[in-house]
Structures are given as C-alpha cells and as structure tokens.
Amino acid sequence: MEVKIVDIGDDYVRLVIKGEGHTYLNLLQHYLVEDDDVIVARYNIPHPLIGEPEIYIKTSGVNPLEAVKKANEKIIAACNTLLEQI
C-alpha cells in the first residue's frame, strides 16, 4: 500500500491510497465516521482498473492524519480480536 497526500489543511486531508480497493477503503471510512471528531469521510475509486483510490477526511479541528491513524488502529484491533476467536 502506498499512501500519497494530495491536499492537506488543519482540518482536512485528501489521500491517494494505491493498491487498495473498496474492501479496505470502506472499512476505513466506517471507522472514521464512528469518530466524533470526523465530520466527513468519503472515498472514490474513479475506475477499478486504472483509477487511483482517493479518500477525503474532514474533522472538527483535530489533525486529520491522527484520525486516520486512530481508525487504522481500531481496524488492527478488530482483526486481532477476530483472529483470537478462530
């Protein structure tokens, strides 16, 4: 996975996440919108074969990259919980 910051401000970020599709981006979006500090989390994949997946996050003032990090930590915790149950 390669992540590129396309645009960033104090309360928003637009990232291109190469090599990922709906599976990861939908999961990331799900955990982002559960965060009370996240106002908007949406993603777009222009074309599944040639498009670069892009996600936009807007927060209520917190660092948007910290919100992404927090969401990814929740994804890891959920995966670890699932693995423990198998």
PDB file of N, CA and C in Angstrom:
ATOM      1  N   MET A   1       0.848  -1.171   0.000  1.00  0.00           N
ATOM      2  CA  MET A   1       0.000   0.000   0.000  1.00  0.00           C
ATOM      3  C   MET A   1       0.895   1.236   0.000  1.00  0.00           C
ATOM      4  N   GLU A   2       0.605   2.125  -0.904  1.00  0.00           N
ATOM      5  CA  GLU A   2       1.332   3.391  -0.978  1.00  0.00           C
ATOM      6  C   GLU A   2       0.331   4.512  -0.745  1.00  0.00           C
ATOM      7  N   VAL A   3       0.625   5.387   0.221  1.00  0.00           N
ATOM      8  CA  VAL A   3      -0.264   6.494   0.551  1.00  0.00           C
ATOM      9  C   VAL A   3       0.412   7.798   0.161  1.00  0.00           C
ATOM     10  N   LYS A   4      -0.329   8.626  -0.565  1.00  0.00           N
ATOM     11  CA  LYS A   4       0.194   9.919  -1.006  1.00  0.00           C
ATOM     12  C   LYS A   4      -0.775  11.007  -0.559  1.00  0.00           C
ATOM     13  N   ILE A   5      -0.237  12.045   0.082  1.00  0.00           N
ATOM     14  CA  ILE A   5      -1.058  13.189   0.478  1.00  0.00           C
ATOM     15  C   ILE A   5      -1.226  14.087  -0.740  1.00  0.00           C
ATOM     16  N   VAL A   6      -2.470  14.262  -1.166  1.00  0.00           N
ATOM     17  CA  VAL A   6      -2.772  15.103  -2.322  1.00  0.00           C
ATOM     18  C   VAL A   6      -2.996  16.539  -1.878  1.00  0.00           C
ATOM     19  N   ASP A   7      -3.720  16.706  -0.769  1.00  0.00           N
ATOM     20  CA  ASP A   7      -4.044  18.034  -0.248  1.00  0.00           C
ATOM     21  C   ASP A   7      -4.240  17.899   1.252  1.00  0.00           C
ATOM     22  N   ILE A   8      -3.748  18.881   2.002  1.00  0.00           N
ATOM     23  CA  ILE A   8      -3.889  18.817   3.458  1.00  0.00           C
ATOM     24  C   ILE A   8      -4.056  20.220   4.015  1.00  0.00           C
ATOM     25  N   GLY A   9      -4.884  20.306   5.042  1.00  0.00           N
ATOM     26  CA  GLY A   9      -5.083  21.544   5.779  1.00  0.00           C
ATOM     27  C   GLY A   9      -5.150  21.216   7.256  1.00  0.00           C
ATOM     28  N   ASP A  10      -5.501  22.205   8.058  1.00  0.00           N
ATOM     29  CA  ASP A  10      -5.576  21.976   9.502  1.00  0.00           C
ATOM     30  C   ASP A  10      -6.657  20.969   9.879  1.00  0.00           C
ATOM     31  N   ASP A  11      -7.752  20.952   9.105  1.00  0.00           N
ATOM     32  CA  ASP A  11      -8.874  20.087   9.470  1.00  0.00           C
ATOM     33  C   ASP A  11      -9.344  19.168   8.341  1.00  0.00           C
ATOM     34  N   TYR A  12      -8.543  19.005   7.320  1.00  0.00           N
ATOM     35  CA  TYR A  12      -8.921  18.099   6.227  1.00  0.00           C
ATOM     36  C   TYR A  12      -7.678  17.508   5.574  1.00  0.00           C
ATOM     37  N   VAL A  13      -7.886  16.377   4.904  1.00  0.00           N
ATOM     38  CA  VAL A  13      -6.811  15.755   4.131  1.00  0.00           C
ATOM     39  C   VAL A  13      -7.446  14.964   2.991  1.00  0.00           C
ATOM     40  N   ARG A  14      -6.773  14.957   1.879  1.00  0.00           N
ATOM     41  CA  ARG A  14      -7.173  14.139   0.732  1.00  0.00           C
ATOM     42  C   ARG A  14      -5.991  13.247   0.411  1.00  0.00           C
ATOM     43  N   LEU A  15      -6.209  11.934   0.466  1.00  0.00           N
ATOM     44  CA  LEU A  15      -5.152  10.949   0.275  1.00  0.00           C
ATOM     45  C   LEU A  15      -5.449  10.069  -0.927  1.00  0.00           C
ATOM     46  N   VAL A  16      -4.398   9.683  -1.640  1.00  0.00           N
ATOM     47  CA  VAL A  16      -4.489   8.636  -2.648  1.00  0.00           C
ATOM     48  C   VAL A  16      -3.870   7.399  -2.020  1.00  0.00           C
ATOM     49  N   ILE A  17      -4.606   6.288  -2.050  1.00  0.00           N
ATOM     50  CA  ILE A  17      -4.134   5.041  -1.454  1.00  0.00           C
ATOM     51  C   ILE A  17      -4.024   4.011  -2.569  1.00  0.00           C
ATOM     52  N   LYS A  18      -2.824   3.900  -3.121  1.00  0.00           N
ATOM     53  CA  LYS A  18      -2.599   2.993  -4.249  1.00  0.00           C
ATOM     54  C   LYS A  18      -2.600   1.542  -3.783  1.00  0.00           C
ATOM     55  N   GLY A  19      -3.118   0.687  -4.631  1.00  0.00           N
ATOM     56  CA  GLY A  19      -3.093  -0.741  -4.349  1.00  0.00           C
ATOM     57  C   GLY A  19      -4.235  -1.231  -3.482  1.00  0.00           C
ATOM     58  N   GLU A  20      -5.171  -0.361  -3.153  1.00  0.00           N
ATOM     59  CA  GLU A  20      -6.308  -0.771  -2.324  1.00  0.00           C
ATOM     60  C   GLU A  20      -7.604  -0.559  -3.087  1.00  0.00           C
ATOM     61  N   GLY A  21      -8.643  -1.202  -2.618  1.00  0.00           N
ATOM     62  CA  GLY A  21      -9.941  -1.105  -3.272  1.00  0.00           C
ATOM     63  C   GLY A  21     -11.038  -0.842  -2.257  1.00  0.00           C
ATOM     64  N   HIS A  22     -12.248  -1.228  -2.642  1.00  0.00           N
ATOM     65  CA  HIS A  22     -13.407  -0.979  -1.792  1.00  0.00           C
ATOM     66  C   HIS A  22     -13.299  -1.680  -0.436  1.00  0.00           C
ATOM     67  N   THR A  23     -12.676  -2.847  -0.388  1.00  0.00           N
ATOM     68  CA  THR A  23     -12.612  -3.609   0.861  1.00  0.00           C
ATOM     69  C   THR A  23     -11.971  -2.790   1.971  1.00  0.00           C
ATOM     70  N   TYR A  24     -10.781  -2.273   1.722  1.00  0.00           N
ATOM     71  CA  TYR A  24     -10.085  -1.503   2.755  1.00  0.00           C
ATOM     72  C   TYR A  24     -10.693  -0.115   2.928  1.00  0.00           C
ATOM     73  N   LEU A  25     -10.979   0.571   1.828  1.00  0.00           N
ATOM     74  CA  LEU A  25     -11.463   1.947   1.932  1.00  0.00           C
ATOM     75  C   LEU A  25     -12.828   2.021   2.610  1.00  0.00           C
ATOM     76  N   ASN A  26     -13.695   1.065   2.356  1.00  0.00           N
ATOM     77  CA  ASN A  26     -14.992   1.051   3.023  1.00  0.00           C
ATOM     78  C   ASN A  26     -14.822   0.805   4.520  1.00  0.00           C
ATOM     79  N   LEU A  27     -13.922  -0.091   4.876  1.00  0.00           N
ATOM     80  CA  LEU A  27     -13.634  -0.366   6.281  1.00  0.00           C
ATOM     81  C   LEU A  27     -13.054   0.869   6.970  1.00  0.00           C
ATOM     82  N   LEU A  28     -12.101   1.524   6.315  1.00  0.00           N
ATOM     83  CA  LEU A  28     -11.502   2.741   6.871  1.00  0.00           C
ATOM     84  C   LEU A  28     -12.561   3.823   7.038  1.00  0.00           C
ATOM     85  N   GLN A  29     -13.387   4.015   6.037  1.00  0.00           N
ATOM     86  CA  GLN A  29     -14.448   5.018   6.106  1.00  0.00           C
ATOM     87  C   GLN A  29     -15.390   4.713   7.273  1.00  0.00           C
ATOM     88  N   HIS A  30     -15.730   3.445   7.453  1.00  0.00           N
ATOM     89  CA  HIS A  30     -16.618   3.037   8.545  1.00  0.00           C
ATOM     90  C   HIS A  30     -16.057   3.465   9.898  1.00  0.00           C
ATOM     91  N   TYR A  31     -14.788   3.174  10.147  1.00  0.00           N
ATOM     92  CA  TYR A  31     -14.190   3.524  11.436  1.00  0.00           C
ATOM     93  C   TYR A  31     -13.959   5.027  11.570  1.00  0.00           C
ATOM     94  N   LEU A  32     -13.725   5.715  10.472  1.00  0.00           N
ATOM     95  CA  LEU A  32     -13.566   7.169  10.532  1.00  0.00           C
ATOM     96  C   LEU A  32     -14.871   7.846  10.945  1.00  0.00           C
ATOM     97  N   VAL A  33     -15.990   7.449  10.357  1.00  0.00           N
ATOM     98  CA  VAL A  33     -17.254   8.121  10.679  1.00  0.00           C
ATOM     99  C   VAL A  33     -17.741   7.794  12.091  1.00  0.00           C
ATOM    100  N   GLU A  34     -17.216   6.740  12.698  1.00  0.00           N
ATOM    101  CA  GLU A  34     -17.541   6.454  14.101  1.00  0.00           C
ATOM    102  C   GLU A  34     -16.861   7.438  15.053  1.00  0.00           C
ATOM    103  N   ASP A  35     -15.818   8.106  14.588  1.00  0.00           N
ATOM    104  CA  ASP A  35     -15.067   9.070  15.392  1.00  0.00           C
ATOM    105  C   ASP A  35     -15.864  10.374  15.478  1.00  0.00           C
ATOM    106  N   ASP A  36     -16.132  10.845  16.691  1.00  0.00           N
ATOM    107  CA  ASP A  36     -16.899  12.082  16.883  1.00  0.00           C
ATOM    108  C   ASP A  36     -16.192  13.310  16.316  1.00  0.00           C
ATOM    109  N   ASP A  37     -14.877  13.251  16.167  1.00  0.00           N
ATOM    110  CA  ASP A  37     -14.122  14.383  15.630  1.00  0.00           C
ATOM    111  C   ASP A  37     -14.137  14.434  14.105  1.00  0.00           C
ATOM    112  N   VAL A  38     -14.612  13.388  13.458  1.00  0.00           N
ATOM    113  CA  VAL A  38     -14.648  13.341  11.993  1.00  0.00           C
ATOM    114  C   VAL A  38     -16.024  13.792  11.515  1.00  0.00           C
ATOM    115  N   ILE A  39     -16.019  14.823  10.672  1.00  0.00           N
ATOM    116  CA  ILE A  39     -17.261  15.366  10.121  1.00  0.00           C
ATOM    117  C   ILE A  39     -17.627  14.646   8.829  1.00  0.00           C
ATOM    118  N   VAL A  40     -16.632  14.456   7.962  1.00  0.00           N
ATOM    119  CA  VAL A  40     -16.851  13.820   6.661  1.00  0.00           C
ATOM    120  C   VAL A  40     -15.735  12.816   6.409  1.00  0.00           C
ATOM    121  N   ALA A  41     -16.105  11.652   5.916  1.00  0.00           N
ATOM    122  CA  ALA A  41     -15.138  10.660   5.433  1.00  0.00           C
ATOM    123  C   ALA A  41     -15.774  10.010   4.214  1.00  0.00           C
ATOM    124  N   ARG A  42     -15.198  10.262   3.053  1.00  0.00           N
ATOM    125  CA  ARG A  42     -15.746   9.668   1.830  1.00  0.00           C
ATOM    126  C   ARG A  42     -14.597   9.243   0.930  1.00  0.00           C
ATOM    127  N   TYR A  43     -14.854   8.224   0.139  1.00  0.00           N
ATOM    128  CA  TYR A  43     -13.821   7.783  -0.788  1.00  0.00           C
ATOM    129  C   TYR A  43     -14.401   7.612  -2.174  1.00  0.00           C
ATOM    130  N   ASN A  44     -13.508   7.598  -3.155  1.00  0.00           N
ATOM    131  CA  ASN A  44     -13.903   7.438  -4.543  1.00  0.00           C
ATOM    132  C   ASN A  44     -12.828   6.631  -5.257  1.00  0.00           C
ATOM    133  N   ILE A  45     -13.278   5.685  -6.061  1.00  0.00           N
ATOM    134  CA  ILE A  45     -12.373   4.947  -6.940  1.00  0.00           C
ATOM    135  C   ILE A  45     -12.879   5.206  -8.355  1.00  0.00           C
ATOM    136  N   PRO A  46     -12.208   6.112  -9.089  1.00  0.00           N
ATOM    137  CA  PRO A  46     -12.709   6.513 -10.408  1.00  0.00           C
ATOM    138  C   PRO A  46     -12.928   5.348 -11.371  1.00  0.00           C
ATOM    139  N   HIS A  47     -11.991   4.424 -11.432  1.00  0.00           N
ATOM    140  CA  HIS A  47     -12.119   3.253 -12.297  1.00  0.00           C
ATOM    141  C   HIS A  47     -11.322   2.129 -11.656  1.00  0.00           C
ATOM    142  N   PRO A  48     -11.911   0.947 -11.503  1.00  0.00           N
ATOM    143  CA  PRO A  48     -11.226  -0.125 -10.774  1.00  0.00           C
ATOM    144  C   PRO A  48      -9.917  -0.600 -11.401  1.00  0.00           C
ATOM    145  N   LEU A  49      -9.742  -0.421 -12.693  1.00  0.00           N
ATOM    146  CA  LEU A  49      -8.519  -0.896 -13.341  1.00  0.00           C
ATOM    147  C   LEU A  49      -7.443   0.180 -13.447  1.00  0.00           C
ATOM    148  N   ILE A  50      -7.838   1.417 -13.674  1.00  0.00           N
ATOM    149  CA  ILE A  50      -6.828   2.461 -13.894  1.00  0.00           C
ATOM    150  C   ILE A  50      -6.926   3.628 -12.917  1.00  0.00           C
ATOM    151  N   GLY A  51      -7.987   3.686 -12.125  1.00  0.00           N
ATOM    152  CA  GLY A  51      -8.162   4.803 -11.204  1.00  0.00           C
ATOM    153  C   GLY A  51      -7.360   4.628  -9.933  1.00  0.00           C
ATOM    154  N   GLU A  52      -6.991   5.741  -9.340  1.00  0.00           N
ATOM    155  CA  GLU A  52      -6.300   5.708  -8.055  1.00  0.00           C
ATOM    156  C   GLU A  52      -7.316   6.009  -6.957  1.00  0.00           C
ATOM    157  N   PRO A  53      -7.485   5.099  -6.000  1.00  0.00           N
ATOM    158  CA  PRO A  53      -8.444   5.310  -4.918  1.00  0.00           C
ATOM    159  C   PRO A  53      -8.082   6.547  -4.098  1.00  0.00           C
ATOM    160  N   GLU A  54      -9.082   7.366  -3.811  1.00  0.00           N
ATOM    161  CA  GLU A  54      -8.856   8.607  -3.086  1.00  0.00           C
ATOM    162  C   GLU A  54      -9.841   8.687  -1.926  1.00  0.00           C
ATOM    163  N   ILE A  55      -9.360   9.146  -0.771  1.00  0.00           N
ATOM    164  CA  ILE A  55     -10.235   9.324   0.388  1.00  0.00           C
ATOM    165  C   ILE A  55     -10.072  10.747   0.905  1.00  0.00           C
ATOM    166  N   TYR A  56     -11.194  11.340   1.304  1.00  0.00           N
ATOM    167  CA  TYR A  56     -11.220  12.704   1.831  1.00  0.00           C
ATOM    168  C   TYR A  56     -11.756  12.639   3.250  1.00  0.00           C
ATOM    169  N   ILE A  57     -11.040  13.283   4.173  1.00  0.00           N
ATOM    170  CA  ILE A  57     -11.449  13.309   5.572  1.00  0.00           C
ATOM    171  C   ILE A  57     -11.470  14.750   6.044  1.00  0.00           C
ATOM    172  N   LYS A  58     -12.571  15.169   6.670  1.00  0.00           N
ATOM    173  CA  LYS A  58     -12.672  16.495   7.283  1.00  0.00           C
ATOM    174  C   LYS A  58     -13.014  16.291   8.745  1.00  0.00           C
ATOM    175  N   THR A  59     -12.303  17.011   9.605  1.00  0.00           N
ATOM    176  CA  THR A  59     -12.504  16.870  11.044  1.00  0.00           C
ATOM    177  C   THR A  59     -13.021  18.172  11.642  1.00  0.00           C
ATOM    178  N   SER A  60     -13.358  18.110  12.905  1.00  0.00           N
ATOM    179  CA  SER A  60     -13.840  19.293  13.620  1.00  0.00           C
ATOM    180  C   SER A  60     -12.689  20.100  14.208  1.00  0.00           C
ATOM    181  N   GLY A  61     -11.513  19.947  13.664  1.00  0.00           N
ATOM    182  CA  GLY A  61     -10.367  20.725  14.123  1.00  0.00           C
ATOM    183  C   GLY A  61      -9.166  19.889  14.526  1.00  0.00           C
ATOM    184  N   VAL A  62      -9.365  18.602  14.744  1.00  0.00           N
ATOM    185  CA  VAL A  62      -8.229  17.745  15.089  1.00  0.00           C
ATOM    186  C   VAL A  62      -7.436  17.418  13.825  1.00  0.00           C
ATOM    187  N   ASN A  63      -6.209  16.993  14.013  1.00  0.00           N
ATOM    188  CA  ASN A  63      -5.352  16.633  12.888  1.00  0.00           C
ATOM    189  C   ASN A  63      -5.984  15.458  12.135  1.00  0.00           C
ATOM    190  N   PRO A  64      -6.295  15.632  10.855  1.00  0.00           N
ATOM    191  CA  PRO A  64      -6.951  14.554  10.111  1.00  0.00           C
ATOM    192  C   PRO A  64      -6.089  13.303   9.963  1.00  0.00           C
ATOM    193  N   LEU A  65      -4.777  13.462   9.937  1.00  0.00           N
ATOM    194  CA  LEU A  65      -3.902  12.291   9.850  1.00  0.00           C
ATOM    195  C   LEU A  65      -3.955  11.474  11.137  1.00  0.00           C
ATOM    196  N   GLU A  66      -4.151  12.154  12.267  1.00  0.00           N
ATOM    197  CA  GLU A  66      -4.316  11.440  13.537  1.00  0.00           C
ATOM    198  C   GLU A  66      -5.622  10.645  13.539  1.00  0.00           C
ATOM    199  N   ALA A  67      -6.655  11.197  12.911  1.00  0.00           N
ATOM    200  CA  ALA A  67      -7.927  10.476  12.810  1.00  0.00           C
ATOM    201  C   ALA A  67      -7.758   9.213  11.969  1.00  0.00           C
ATOM    202  N   VAL A  68      -6.984   9.303  10.894  1.00  0.00           N
ATOM    203  CA  VAL A  68      -6.716   8.136  10.045  1.00  0.00           C
ATOM    204  C   VAL A  68      -5.925   7.096  10.830  1.00  0.00           C
ATOM    205  N   LYS A  69      -4.927   7.559  11.570  1.00  0.00           N
ATOM    206  CA  LYS A  69      -4.114   6.645  12.379  1.00  0.00           C
ATOM    207  C   LYS A  69      -4.985   5.929  13.417  1.00  0.00           C
ATOM    208  N   LYS A  70      -5.860   6.682  14.072  1.00  0.00           N
ATOM    209  CA  LYS A  70      -6.743   6.109  15.087  1.00  0.00           C
ATOM    210  C   LYS A  70      -7.691   5.072  14.473  1.00  0.00           C
ATOM    211  N   ALA A  71      -8.225   5.368  13.303  1.00  0.00           N
ATOM    212  CA  ALA A  71      -9.120   4.426  12.626  1.00  0.00           C
ATOM    213  C   ALA A  71      -8.373   3.152  12.248  1.00  0.00           C
ATOM    214  N   ASN A  72      -7.141   3.293  11.767  1.00  0.00           N
ATOM    215  CA  ASN A  72      -6.349   2.115  11.413  1.00  0.00           C
ATOM    216  C   ASN A  72      -6.019   1.269  12.637  1.00  0.00           C
ATOM    217  N   GLU A  73      -5.772   1.912  13.765  1.00  0.00           N
ATOM    218  CA  GLU A  73      -5.520   1.166  14.999  1.00  0.00           C
ATOM    219  C   GLU A  73      -6.758   0.368  15.412  1.00  0.00           C
ATOM    220  N   LYS A  74      -7.950   0.931  15.191  1.00  0.00           N
ATOM    221  CA  LYS A  74      -9.188   0.212  15.501  1.00  0.00           C
ATOM    222  C   LYS A  74      -9.382  -0.969  14.555  1.00  0.00           C
ATOM    223  N   ILE A  75      -9.006  -0.797  13.300  1.00  0.00           N
ATOM    224  CA  ILE A  75      -9.095  -1.897  12.333  1.00  0.00           C
ATOM    225  C   ILE A  75      -8.178  -3.039  12.756  1.00  0.00           C
ATOM    226  N   ILE A  76      -6.954  -2.703  13.147  1.00  0.00           N
ATOM    227  CA  ILE A  76      -5.998  -3.717  13.596  1.00  0.00           C
ATOM    228  C   ILE A  76      -6.533  -4.444  14.824  1.00  0.00           C
ATOM    229  N   ALA A  77      -7.091  -3.697  15.776  1.00  0.00           N
ATOM    230  CA  ALA A  77      -7.642  -4.311  16.990  1.00  0.00           C
ATOM    231  C   ALA A  77      -8.798  -5.249  16.651  1.00  0.00           C
ATOM    232  N   ALA A  78      -9.655  -4.845  15.728  1.00  0.00           N
ATOM    233  CA  ALA A  78     -10.782  -5.696  15.329  1.00  0.00           C
ATOM    234  C   ALA A  78     -10.288  -6.972  14.655  1.00  0.00           C
ATOM    235  N   CYS A  79      -9.263  -6.849  13.821  1.00  0.00           N
ATOM    236  CA  CYS A  79      -8.694  -8.033  13.158  1.00  0.00           C
ATOM    237  C   CYS A  79      -8.051  -8.971  14.171  1.00  0.00           C
ATOM    238  N   ASN A  80      -7.336  -8.407  15.138  1.00  0.00           N
ATOM    239  CA  ASN A  80      -6.710  -9.233  16.170  1.00  0.00           C
ATOM    240  C   ASN A  80      -7.756  -9.961  17.013  1.00  0.00           C
ATOM    241  N   THR A  81      -8.846  -9.282  17.338  1.00  0.00           N
ATOM    242  CA  THR A  81      -9.933  -9.915  18.087  1.00  0.00           C
ATOM    243  C   THR A  81     -10.524 -11.072  17.296  1.00  0.00           C
ATOM    244  N   LEU A  82     -10.714 -10.856  16.010  1.00  0.00           N
ATOM    245  CA  LEU A  82     -11.246 -11.915  15.150  1.00  0.00           C
ATOM    246  C   LEU A  82     -10.295 -13.110  15.100  1.00  0.00           C
ATOM    247  N   LEU A  83      -9.001 -12.842  14.951  1.00  0.00           N
ATOM    248  CA  LEU A  83      -8.017 -13.929  14.885  1.00  0.00           C
ATOM    249  C   LEU A  83      -7.965 -14.734  16.180  1.00  0.00           C
ATOM    250  N   GLU A  84      -8.163 -14.063  17.312  1.00  0.00           N
ATOM    251  CA  GLU A  84      -8.162 -14.766  18.596  1.00  0.00           C
ATOM    252  C   GLU A  84      -9.350 -15.718  18.725  1.00  0.00           C
ATOM    253  N   GLN A  85     -10.423 -15.423  18.028  1.00  0.00           N
ATOM    254  CA  GLN A  85     -11.635 -16.236  18.128  1.00  0.00           C
ATOM    255  C   GLN A  85     -11.634 -17.423  17.176  1.00  0.00           C
ATOM    256  N   ILE A  86     -10.698 -17.445  16.265  1.00  0.00           N
ATOM    257  CA  ILE A  86     -10.642 -18.536  15.283  1.00  0.00           C
ATOM    258  C   ILE A  86      -9.910 -19.727  15.875  1.00  0.00           C
TER     259      ILE A  86
END
